[in-house]
N, C-alpha and C. Protein backbone atom coordinates (compact mmCIF):
# COMPACT_ATOMS: atom_id res chain seq x y z
N UNK A 1 -15.74 29.79 -23.12
CA UNK A 1 -14.81 29.13 -22.23
C UNK A 1 -14.59 27.70 -22.72
N UNK A 2 -13.35 27.26 -22.77
CA UNK A 2 -13.03 25.92 -23.25
C UNK A 2 -12.58 25.04 -22.09
N UNK A 3 -12.90 23.76 -22.21
CA UNK A 3 -12.46 22.82 -21.19
C UNK A 3 -11.13 22.22 -21.62
N UNK A 4 -10.68 21.23 -20.90
CA UNK A 4 -9.36 20.64 -21.14
C UNK A 4 -9.28 19.98 -22.50
N UNK A 5 -10.34 19.28 -22.90
CA UNK A 5 -10.27 18.55 -24.16
C UNK A 5 -10.67 19.39 -25.36
N UNK A 6 -10.96 20.68 -25.19
CA UNK A 6 -11.26 21.56 -26.31
C UNK A 6 -12.73 21.75 -26.59
N UNK A 7 -13.61 21.02 -25.92
CA UNK A 7 -15.04 21.18 -26.14
C UNK A 7 -15.53 22.43 -25.42
N UNK A 8 -16.62 22.96 -25.88
CA UNK A 8 -17.18 24.15 -25.26
C UNK A 8 -17.75 23.81 -23.89
N UNK A 9 -17.72 24.78 -22.99
CA UNK A 9 -18.19 24.54 -21.64
C UNK A 9 -19.69 24.34 -21.58
N UNK A 10 -20.45 24.86 -22.55
CA UNK A 10 -21.89 24.70 -22.51
C UNK A 10 -22.35 23.39 -23.14
N UNK A 11 -21.44 22.47 -23.38
CA UNK A 11 -21.79 21.20 -24.01
C UNK A 11 -22.25 20.16 -22.99
N UNK A 12 -22.55 20.56 -21.77
CA UNK A 12 -23.02 19.62 -20.77
C UNK A 12 -21.94 19.24 -19.77
N UNK A 13 -20.70 19.57 -20.05
CA UNK A 13 -19.63 19.25 -19.11
C UNK A 13 -19.64 20.26 -17.99
N UNK A 14 -19.47 19.81 -16.78
CA UNK A 14 -19.39 20.73 -15.66
C UNK A 14 -18.28 20.26 -14.75
N UNK A 15 -17.62 21.16 -14.05
CA UNK A 15 -16.54 20.73 -13.15
C UNK A 15 -17.06 19.92 -11.96
N UNK A 16 -18.38 19.92 -11.74
CA UNK A 16 -18.95 19.18 -10.63
C UNK A 16 -19.54 17.85 -11.07
N UNK A 17 -19.32 17.46 -12.31
CA UNK A 17 -19.88 16.20 -12.79
C UNK A 17 -19.14 15.04 -12.13
N UNK A 18 -19.84 13.92 -11.90
CA UNK A 18 -19.20 12.78 -11.23
C UNK A 18 -18.27 11.98 -12.13
N UNK A 19 -18.09 12.39 -13.36
CA UNK A 19 -17.23 11.66 -14.28
C UNK A 19 -15.77 11.88 -13.90
N UNK A 20 -15.03 10.79 -13.80
CA UNK A 20 -13.60 10.88 -13.49
C UNK A 20 -12.84 10.94 -14.80
N UNK A 21 -12.07 11.99 -14.97
CA UNK A 21 -11.27 12.14 -16.18
C UNK A 21 -9.82 11.87 -15.83
N UNK A 22 -9.17 11.06 -16.62
CA UNK A 22 -7.78 10.72 -16.37
C UNK A 22 -6.87 11.77 -16.98
N UNK A 23 -5.77 12.03 -16.34
CA UNK A 23 -4.78 12.95 -16.87
C UNK A 23 -5.04 14.41 -16.55
N UNK A 24 -6.06 14.71 -15.80
CA UNK A 24 -6.35 16.10 -15.45
C UNK A 24 -5.94 16.30 -14.01
N UNK A 25 -5.09 17.28 -13.77
CA UNK A 25 -4.62 17.56 -12.42
C UNK A 25 -5.57 18.53 -11.76
N UNK A 26 -6.05 18.19 -10.59
CA UNK A 26 -6.97 19.05 -9.88
C UNK A 26 -6.38 19.40 -8.52
N UNK A 27 -6.13 20.69 -8.27
CA UNK A 27 -5.61 21.06 -6.95
C UNK A 27 -6.68 21.04 -5.88
N UNK A 28 -7.92 20.76 -6.25
CA UNK A 28 -9.00 20.77 -5.28
C UNK A 28 -9.12 19.46 -4.51
N UNK A 29 -8.54 18.37 -5.01
CA UNK A 29 -8.68 17.08 -4.34
C UNK A 29 -8.05 17.06 -2.94
N UNK A 30 -6.82 17.57 -2.76
CA UNK A 30 -6.29 17.60 -1.39
C UNK A 30 -7.13 18.49 -0.46
N UNK A 31 -7.63 19.59 -0.98
CA UNK A 31 -8.47 20.47 -0.17
C UNK A 31 -9.78 19.77 0.19
N UNK A 32 -10.34 19.05 -0.77
CA UNK A 32 -11.58 18.31 -0.52
C UNK A 32 -11.34 17.21 0.52
N UNK A 33 -10.18 16.57 0.47
CA UNK A 33 -9.85 15.54 1.46
C UNK A 33 -9.79 16.16 2.86
N UNK A 34 -9.15 17.33 2.98
CA UNK A 34 -9.02 17.97 4.28
C UNK A 34 -10.39 18.41 4.79
N UNK A 35 -11.22 18.97 3.91
CA UNK A 35 -12.51 19.50 4.35
C UNK A 35 -13.52 18.40 4.67
N UNK A 36 -13.50 17.31 3.93
CA UNK A 36 -14.56 16.31 4.07
C UNK A 36 -14.07 14.99 4.68
N UNK A 37 -13.04 14.42 4.11
CA UNK A 37 -12.67 13.05 4.47
C UNK A 37 -11.70 12.96 5.64
N UNK A 38 -11.01 14.03 5.98
CA UNK A 38 -10.02 13.95 7.05
C UNK A 38 -10.67 13.67 8.40
N UNK A 39 -11.82 14.27 8.65
CA UNK A 39 -12.49 14.03 9.93
C UNK A 39 -13.01 12.60 10.02
N UNK A 40 -13.55 12.08 8.93
CA UNK A 40 -14.00 10.68 8.93
C UNK A 40 -12.83 9.73 9.12
N UNK A 41 -11.70 10.04 8.47
CA UNK A 41 -10.51 9.21 8.62
C UNK A 41 -10.03 9.23 10.07
N UNK A 42 -10.05 10.41 10.70
CA UNK A 42 -9.60 10.52 12.09
C UNK A 42 -10.53 9.76 13.03
N UNK A 43 -11.82 9.72 12.73
CA UNK A 43 -12.75 8.96 13.56
C UNK A 43 -12.53 7.45 13.40
N UNK A 44 -12.23 7.01 12.19
CA UNK A 44 -12.03 5.59 11.93
C UNK A 44 -10.69 5.09 12.47
N UNK A 45 -9.71 5.96 12.58
CA UNK A 45 -8.37 5.58 13.05
C UNK A 45 -8.00 6.45 14.25
N UNK A 46 -8.53 6.14 15.45
CA UNK A 46 -8.23 6.98 16.61
C UNK A 46 -6.78 6.86 17.09
N UNK A 47 -6.06 5.82 16.67
CA UNK A 47 -4.68 5.65 17.08
C UNK A 47 -3.70 6.40 16.19
N UNK A 48 -4.19 7.07 15.16
CA UNK A 48 -3.34 7.81 14.22
C UNK A 48 -3.56 9.30 14.44
N UNK A 49 -2.47 10.05 14.56
CA UNK A 49 -2.55 11.50 14.68
C UNK A 49 -2.49 12.09 13.29
N UNK A 50 -3.44 12.96 12.98
CA UNK A 50 -3.53 13.56 11.65
C UNK A 50 -3.31 15.06 11.79
N UNK A 51 -2.21 15.56 11.24
CA UNK A 51 -1.89 16.98 11.26
C UNK A 51 -2.22 17.58 9.90
N UNK A 52 -2.80 18.75 9.90
CA UNK A 52 -3.08 19.48 8.67
C UNK A 52 -2.39 20.83 8.80
N UNK A 53 -1.48 21.11 7.87
CA UNK A 53 -0.79 22.40 7.91
C UNK A 53 -1.14 23.17 6.65
N UNK A 54 -1.50 24.44 6.78
CA UNK A 54 -1.86 25.23 5.60
C UNK A 54 -0.63 25.53 4.75
N UNK A 55 -0.84 25.56 3.47
CA UNK A 55 0.24 25.86 2.54
C UNK A 55 -0.31 26.79 1.48
N UNK A 56 0.35 27.87 1.26
CA UNK A 56 -0.11 28.80 0.24
C UNK A 56 1.09 29.33 -0.52
N UNK A 57 0.83 29.75 -1.72
CA UNK A 57 1.90 30.32 -2.53
C UNK A 57 2.65 29.26 -3.29
N UNK A 58 3.64 29.68 -4.06
CA UNK A 58 4.42 28.72 -4.84
C UNK A 58 5.28 27.85 -3.93
N UNK A 59 5.54 26.68 -4.39
CA UNK A 59 6.37 25.78 -3.59
C UNK A 59 6.07 24.35 -3.94
N UNK A 60 6.42 23.44 -3.06
CA UNK A 60 6.23 22.03 -3.37
C UNK A 60 4.75 21.66 -3.45
N UNK A 61 4.50 20.58 -4.12
CA UNK A 61 3.13 20.08 -4.28
C UNK A 61 2.65 19.49 -2.96
N UNK A 62 1.35 19.29 -2.79
CA UNK A 62 0.85 18.72 -1.54
C UNK A 62 1.35 17.30 -1.32
N UNK A 63 1.72 17.03 -0.07
CA UNK A 63 2.33 15.76 0.29
C UNK A 63 1.62 15.21 1.52
N UNK A 64 1.40 13.90 1.53
CA UNK A 64 0.89 13.21 2.70
C UNK A 64 2.09 12.56 3.38
N UNK A 65 2.36 12.95 4.62
CA UNK A 65 3.55 12.48 5.33
C UNK A 65 3.12 11.56 6.47
N UNK A 66 3.77 10.41 6.56
CA UNK A 66 3.52 9.45 7.64
C UNK A 66 4.79 9.36 8.48
N UNK A 67 4.65 9.64 9.77
CA UNK A 67 5.76 9.53 10.71
C UNK A 67 5.44 8.38 11.66
N UNK A 68 6.32 7.38 11.70
CA UNK A 68 6.08 6.19 12.50
C UNK A 68 6.85 6.26 13.81
N UNK A 69 6.47 5.43 14.78
CA UNK A 69 7.11 5.45 16.10
C UNK A 69 8.56 5.02 16.05
N UNK A 70 8.96 4.24 15.04
CA UNK A 70 10.35 3.81 14.95
C UNK A 70 11.23 4.87 14.28
N UNK A 71 10.67 6.03 13.94
CA UNK A 71 11.45 7.12 13.37
C UNK A 71 11.39 7.22 11.86
N UNK A 72 10.78 6.27 11.20
CA UNK A 72 10.68 6.28 9.74
C UNK A 72 9.67 7.33 9.30
N UNK A 73 10.01 8.04 8.25
CA UNK A 73 9.11 9.05 7.68
C UNK A 73 8.92 8.71 6.21
N UNK A 74 7.66 8.62 5.78
CA UNK A 74 7.35 8.35 4.38
C UNK A 74 6.51 9.50 3.84
N UNK A 75 6.90 10.01 2.68
CA UNK A 75 6.16 11.07 2.01
C UNK A 75 5.56 10.53 0.73
N UNK A 76 4.28 10.82 0.51
CA UNK A 76 3.58 10.40 -0.70
C UNK A 76 2.98 11.64 -1.35
N UNK A 77 3.23 11.80 -2.63
CA UNK A 77 2.71 12.93 -3.39
C UNK A 77 1.23 12.72 -3.66
N UNK A 78 0.41 13.73 -3.34
CA UNK A 78 -1.04 13.60 -3.52
C UNK A 78 -1.59 14.64 -4.48
N UNK A 79 -0.75 15.29 -5.24
CA UNK A 79 -1.20 16.38 -6.10
C UNK A 79 -2.12 15.88 -7.21
N UNK A 80 -1.87 14.73 -7.77
CA UNK A 80 -2.66 14.26 -8.91
C UNK A 80 -3.64 13.17 -8.51
N UNK A 81 -3.99 13.07 -7.22
CA UNK A 81 -4.90 12.03 -6.76
C UNK A 81 -6.25 12.64 -6.41
N UNK A 82 -7.28 11.81 -6.52
CA UNK A 82 -8.61 12.24 -6.10
C UNK A 82 -8.74 12.10 -4.59
N UNK A 83 -9.83 12.60 -4.05
CA UNK A 83 -10.05 12.52 -2.61
C UNK A 83 -10.15 11.07 -2.14
N UNK A 84 -10.80 10.21 -2.93
CA UNK A 84 -10.92 8.79 -2.57
C UNK A 84 -9.56 8.11 -2.59
N UNK A 85 -8.72 8.45 -3.56
CA UNK A 85 -7.38 7.86 -3.63
C UNK A 85 -6.53 8.32 -2.45
N UNK A 86 -6.72 9.56 -2.01
CA UNK A 86 -5.97 10.07 -0.86
C UNK A 86 -6.40 9.33 0.40
N UNK A 87 -7.71 9.04 0.54
CA UNK A 87 -8.18 8.27 1.70
C UNK A 87 -7.59 6.87 1.68
N UNK A 88 -7.55 6.23 0.52
CA UNK A 88 -6.95 4.89 0.41
C UNK A 88 -5.47 4.92 0.75
N UNK A 89 -4.77 5.95 0.29
CA UNK A 89 -3.34 6.07 0.58
C UNK A 89 -3.11 6.31 2.06
N UNK A 90 -3.93 7.16 2.68
CA UNK A 90 -3.79 7.42 4.11
C UNK A 90 -4.07 6.16 4.92
N UNK A 91 -5.05 5.38 4.51
CA UNK A 91 -5.35 4.12 5.19
C UNK A 91 -4.20 3.14 5.05
N UNK A 92 -3.62 3.07 3.86
CA UNK A 92 -2.47 2.18 3.64
C UNK A 92 -1.30 2.58 4.51
N UNK A 93 -1.01 3.88 4.58
CA UNK A 93 0.10 4.34 5.41
C UNK A 93 -0.19 4.11 6.89
N UNK A 94 -1.45 4.24 7.31
CA UNK A 94 -1.80 4.02 8.71
C UNK A 94 -1.67 2.55 9.09
N UNK A 95 -1.89 1.65 8.16
CA UNK A 95 -1.83 0.22 8.45
C UNK A 95 -0.41 -0.35 8.38
N UNK A 96 0.53 0.39 7.82
CA UNK A 96 1.90 -0.10 7.73
C UNK A 96 2.65 0.15 9.03
N UNK A 97 3.74 -0.58 9.23
CA UNK A 97 4.52 -0.45 10.45
C UNK A 97 5.65 0.56 10.32
N UNK A 98 5.97 0.96 9.11
CA UNK A 98 7.08 1.88 8.91
C UNK A 98 8.39 1.18 8.61
N UNK A 99 8.42 -0.13 8.77
CA UNK A 99 9.63 -0.89 8.46
C UNK A 99 9.74 -1.11 6.96
N UNK A 100 10.95 -1.26 6.48
CA UNK A 100 11.15 -1.55 5.07
C UNK A 100 10.60 -2.93 4.74
N UNK A 101 10.05 -3.05 3.55
CA UNK A 101 9.50 -4.33 3.12
C UNK A 101 10.65 -5.18 2.60
N UNK A 102 10.83 -6.35 3.22
CA UNK A 102 11.91 -7.25 2.81
C UNK A 102 11.30 -8.54 2.29
N UNK A 103 11.99 -9.16 1.39
CA UNK A 103 11.53 -10.42 0.80
C UNK A 103 11.99 -11.57 1.68
N UNK A 104 11.07 -12.42 2.06
CA UNK A 104 11.40 -13.60 2.85
C UNK A 104 11.60 -14.75 1.88
N UNK A 105 12.82 -15.24 1.80
CA UNK A 105 13.13 -16.29 0.83
C UNK A 105 12.63 -17.65 1.28
N UNK A 106 12.76 -17.94 2.56
CA UNK A 106 12.33 -19.22 3.10
C UNK A 106 11.54 -18.95 4.38
N UNK A 107 10.53 -19.75 4.66
CA UNK A 107 9.75 -19.50 5.87
C UNK A 107 10.43 -19.99 7.15
N UNK A 108 11.63 -20.55 7.06
CA UNK A 108 12.34 -21.03 8.23
C UNK A 108 13.75 -20.48 8.22
N UNK A 109 14.37 -20.43 9.38
CA UNK A 109 15.74 -19.93 9.49
C UNK A 109 16.42 -20.64 10.65
N UNK A 110 17.68 -20.97 10.46
CA UNK A 110 18.48 -21.54 11.53
C UNK A 110 19.90 -20.98 11.43
N UNK A 111 20.51 -20.79 12.58
CA UNK A 111 21.89 -20.30 12.59
C UNK A 111 22.88 -21.42 12.34
N UNK A 112 22.50 -22.67 12.62
CA UNK A 112 23.37 -23.82 12.43
C UNK A 112 22.69 -24.82 11.50
N UNK A 113 22.82 -24.67 10.20
CA UNK A 113 22.14 -25.60 9.30
C UNK A 113 22.76 -26.99 9.38
N UNK A 114 21.96 -27.99 9.09
CA UNK A 114 22.41 -29.37 9.16
C UNK A 114 23.41 -29.66 8.03
N UNK A 115 24.47 -30.38 8.37
CA UNK A 115 25.46 -30.76 7.38
C UNK A 115 24.92 -31.87 6.49
N UNK A 116 24.07 -32.72 7.05
CA UNK A 116 23.55 -33.86 6.33
C UNK A 116 22.33 -33.52 5.47
N UNK A 117 21.81 -32.37 5.59
CA UNK A 117 20.61 -32.01 4.85
C UNK A 117 19.39 -32.03 5.75
N UNK A 118 18.28 -31.72 5.19
CA UNK A 118 17.06 -31.68 5.98
C UNK A 118 16.53 -33.08 6.25
N UNK A 119 15.85 -33.22 7.37
CA UNK A 119 15.26 -34.49 7.76
C UNK A 119 13.93 -34.68 7.05
N UNK A 120 13.61 -35.92 6.69
CA UNK A 120 12.29 -36.26 6.18
C UNK A 120 11.91 -37.63 6.75
N UNK A 121 10.67 -38.07 6.63
CA UNK A 121 10.22 -39.29 7.31
C UNK A 121 10.95 -40.56 6.93
N UNK A 122 11.57 -40.63 5.77
CA UNK A 122 12.25 -41.85 5.34
C UNK A 122 13.77 -41.77 5.51
N UNK A 123 14.26 -40.87 6.33
CA UNK A 123 15.70 -40.70 6.48
C UNK A 123 16.37 -41.94 7.06
N UNK A 124 15.89 -42.49 8.16
CA UNK A 124 16.54 -43.61 8.85
C UNK A 124 15.81 -44.93 8.65
N UNK A 125 15.03 -45.07 7.63
CA UNK A 125 14.30 -46.30 7.35
C UNK A 125 15.14 -47.21 6.46
N UNK A 126 14.85 -48.51 6.46
CA UNK A 126 15.60 -49.42 5.59
C UNK A 126 15.40 -49.04 4.12
N UNK A 127 16.42 -49.30 3.32
CA UNK A 127 16.37 -48.89 1.92
C UNK A 127 15.32 -49.66 1.12
N UNK A 128 14.89 -50.78 1.60
CA UNK A 128 13.86 -51.53 0.87
C UNK A 128 12.56 -50.73 0.81
N UNK A 129 12.32 -49.93 1.84
CA UNK A 129 11.11 -49.09 1.84
C UNK A 129 11.27 -47.89 0.91
N UNK A 130 12.46 -47.38 0.84
CA UNK A 130 12.65 -46.17 0.04
C UNK A 130 12.87 -46.47 -1.43
N UNK A 131 13.45 -47.62 -1.76
CA UNK A 131 13.74 -47.93 -3.16
C UNK A 131 12.54 -48.58 -3.84
N UNK A 132 11.99 -49.64 -3.21
CA UNK A 132 10.92 -50.38 -3.85
C UNK A 132 9.53 -49.88 -3.46
N UNK A 133 9.39 -49.27 -2.33
CA UNK A 133 8.09 -48.85 -1.85
C UNK A 133 7.49 -49.92 -0.96
N UNK A 134 6.60 -49.60 -0.09
CA UNK A 134 6.06 -50.56 0.87
C UNK A 134 5.18 -51.62 0.22
N UNK A 135 4.51 -51.36 -0.88
CA UNK A 135 3.61 -52.33 -1.50
C UNK A 135 4.34 -53.28 -2.45
N UNK A 136 5.56 -52.96 -2.83
CA UNK A 136 6.28 -53.77 -3.81
C UNK A 136 7.28 -54.73 -3.15
N UNK A 137 7.15 -54.97 -1.86
CA UNK A 137 8.09 -55.86 -1.17
C UNK A 137 7.83 -57.31 -1.59
N UNK A 138 8.91 -58.09 -1.74
CA UNK A 138 8.72 -59.51 -2.07
C UNK A 138 8.13 -60.25 -0.87
N UNK A 139 7.27 -61.21 -1.13
CA UNK A 139 6.59 -61.94 -0.06
C UNK A 139 7.26 -63.24 0.26
């Protein structure tokens, strides 16, 4: 029997070894998440409803779906992820609000911006303070 990289199976490699191999797709990770980590996740997040639906036969790959109260639905593909990565993804989806992520350009907003520009402490002070500075005044 040969493994993925071509080495013989009796060379010490086992499918239960704790070594993480990149690029190998394992259909057992979603099943392992449902059997082991889903109950722990549900205990840690009592405000999140976790549905598990059986899927068998040919069809789409396993998907983690998040449905938010505002009606947004997000689907994340979990076919090539490990059980730990699925837990991290489920936690990330549980902590999000479901709203689209928007970039905030400025931390302030006004509907009527000032025509003169923004105010600063030296706006209405005499020009001798702003041009020469307070320590350079003639005596």
